C-alpha cells in the first residue's frame, strides 16, 4: 500500500488498500467472525418445511 513509487510518502495506493481490505474480509468470513445482520447463526434447518410436507411437494413436480 505504501510502497508505490509514483505516490508521495504519506499517500497510499488505493487499489492496494482495497485489495488488502478484501483479503481481510475474506479471512474473517472464513473464520465466521463476520456475519450479515438478521442472518441465522446456527440452526440452518430450522426454517425448512417438515419432512412429510417435503415428500408431498416433491411428488407434485
Protein backbone atom coordinates (compact mmCIF):
# COMPACT_ATOMS: atom_id res chain seq x y z
CA UNK A 1 0.00 0.00 0.00
CA UNK A 2 2.73 2.44 0.95
CA UNK A 3 5.42 1.22 -1.45
CA UNK A 4 4.10 2.76 -4.67
CA UNK A 5 6.98 4.84 -6.09
CA UNK A 6 4.52 7.05 -8.02
CA UNK A 7 2.95 8.39 -4.81
CA UNK A 8 4.37 10.75 -2.20
CA UNK A 9 5.15 9.02 1.15
CA UNK A 10 2.03 9.98 3.16
CA UNK A 11 -0.30 8.77 0.39
CA UNK A 12 -1.47 5.20 0.00
CA UNK A 13 -2.18 3.21 -3.14
CA UNK A 14 -5.99 2.95 -3.16
CA UNK A 15 -6.28 -0.27 -5.26
CA UNK A 16 -3.75 -1.99 -2.98
CA UNK A 17 -5.62 -0.81 0.11
CA UNK A 18 -8.93 -2.07 -1.33
CA UNK A 19 -7.41 -5.46 -2.10
CA UNK A 20 -5.94 -5.66 1.41
CA UNK A 21 -9.36 -4.94 2.95
CA UNK A 22 -10.99 -7.59 0.75
CA UNK A 23 -8.38 -10.15 1.81
CA UNK A 24 -9.03 -9.33 5.48
CA UNK A 25 -12.80 -9.60 4.95
CA UNK A 26 -12.40 -12.95 3.20
CA UNK A 27 -10.30 -14.30 6.06
CA UNK A 28 -12.84 -13.07 8.63
CA UNK A 29 -15.70 -14.67 6.69
CA UNK A 30 -13.88 -17.99 6.61
CA UNK A 31 -13.34 -17.78 10.39
CA UNK A 32 -17.03 -16.85 10.75
CA UNK A 33 -16.10 -13.64 12.54
CA UNK A 34 -18.27 -11.57 10.19
CA UNK A 35 -21.94 -12.19 9.51
CA UNK A 36 -24.91 -10.41 7.98
CA UNK A 37 -27.36 -8.71 10.33
CA UNK A 38 -30.51 -10.80 10.54
CA UNK A 39 -28.82 -13.97 9.30
CA UNK A 40 -29.38 -17.18 11.20
CA UNK A 41 -26.48 -18.14 13.38
CA UNK A 42 -26.68 -21.87 13.61
CA UNK A 43 -29.89 -23.79 13.08
CA UNK A 44 -30.00 -23.51 9.31
CA UNK A 45 -32.51 -26.34 9.06
CA UNK A 46 -34.92 -24.62 11.45
CA UNK A 47 -36.71 -22.79 8.65
CA UNK A 48 -37.15 -25.79 6.38
CA UNK A 49 -40.51 -27.46 5.90
CA UNK A 50 -41.27 -30.72 7.63
CA UNK A 51 -40.13 -33.96 6.02
CA UNK A 52 -43.64 -35.21 5.23
CA UNK A 53 -44.52 -31.91 3.52
CA UNK A 54 -41.27 -32.04 1.56
CA UNK A 55 -42.10 -35.53 0.27
CA UNK A 56 -45.61 -34.44 -0.72
CA UNK A 57 -44.44 -31.29 -2.53
CA UNK A 58 -41.65 -33.16 -4.25
CA UNK A 59 -44.12 -35.61 -5.74
CA UNK A 60 -46.07 -32.75 -7.35
CA UNK A 61 -43.12 -31.76 -9.53
